[in-house]
Amino acid sequence: MKIVFLDRGTISASTYLRSPAFPHEWVQHERTAAHEVVARIRDADIVIVNKVKLVADALASAPRLKLIAIAATGTDNVDLSACHARGIVVCNVRNYAVHTVPEHTFALIFALRRSICGYRDAIRAGRWQEAAQFCFFDYPIRDLAGSTLGVIGDGALGQAVASIGRALGMRVLFSGRKGRIGQGRLYTPFEQLLQQVDVLTLHCPLNAETHHMIGAAEFSRMTRKPLLINTGRGGLVDETAVGPALASGQISGAAFDVTRVEPPPSDHPFMTLLDRPDFILTPHIAWASAEAIQALADQLIDILEAFVSGTPIHQVGDGSRLSPRGVHSIESFESQTPSKK
């Protein structure tokens, strides 16, 4: 079995990746450009990929390819229809980010709600000495207890975020689907949710229905001037509308761990916001705690070994519902009612 890992550099170098327990040849590349894919997978039996795109033409050039193991949960970089037509099994990693993403989400919420970045920068600029007293009040500081948390996406990640919010004394609302009503009393209609929340956090898949689900029109309805947190997917928010929403006071802060293009180009609208105390951008690391990455790596090799033994696991298209950022859940954005716990 020849195993080719196309983008090993997307997993921390300090993460232990054990050798599969079957005879194999292992070839890995730190990264793979689009024009390099065909040559690198041509004689592979198994391909491991995180973010490199595997399109139909490239797959057609790999007659020996039997398994694509995705080192993530999202599958949008792989042409699943072409894989199905060629009999290539596709498996993905699940349930590895159930702690790290919610924790990162609340790290961003706390930083914005208590103006941590603003005060850090003010101290660096000498503001404390200038104030000449034991404290100063240049930026707002708000408690989370008693505020309302709106969660878009009710899979395992959304549920975990909700649980933390309740533990902090927040009122939690799950959003219904945009433009729809009558989804049950445990969902708040999307348009109403925008008007009721103090913090809005996104944990849903990116697809045709959710693309730019938050934009200028939605910002204009946010009467409570909430924080907006996106640790879900780039593209859920119209990124050109965030700066104007901050400048006009329609939202009181925004934090993003994802962008539509990663890394964002130098002329991306977020790059002009980096000096604002009410804006935070992190480089797609909400998933990347040491514990989570190790769980991903272990499960990745489990996928290879299970496939070779004839009992594949986590096969894409097995009827399960997937929620974003590494969590497998029957309860996804599209379907079931959120837990009452």
Foldseek 3Di string as FASTA:
>chain_A
DEEEEAAPLVFDPPFDFDDFPDDYHYHYDNHADLVRLLVRQQAHQEYEYEQAADDLVSVVNHLNHAEYEYLWDDDVRYPVVSCVVSNHWYFYFFDLQLPLLLVVQVVLVQCQQALVVVVVVCVVVVVVVVVVDDDDPPDHHDALAPFEEEEQKQFSNSQSNVVVSVVSNHHYAYAAFAPDDDPDPNHDHNLVVLQRHQEYEYFFADDPRQFQVDADVSLVSNNNQHEYEYLHEARSHPQVRPVVSCVVSSHVAYEYAYHNDPPDDCPRPVVVVPPPSRYYYHPSCSQPDSSSSNSSSVVSSVQVNCVVVPHGPRTPPPPFDQITTRHTGNRISPDDRHDPD
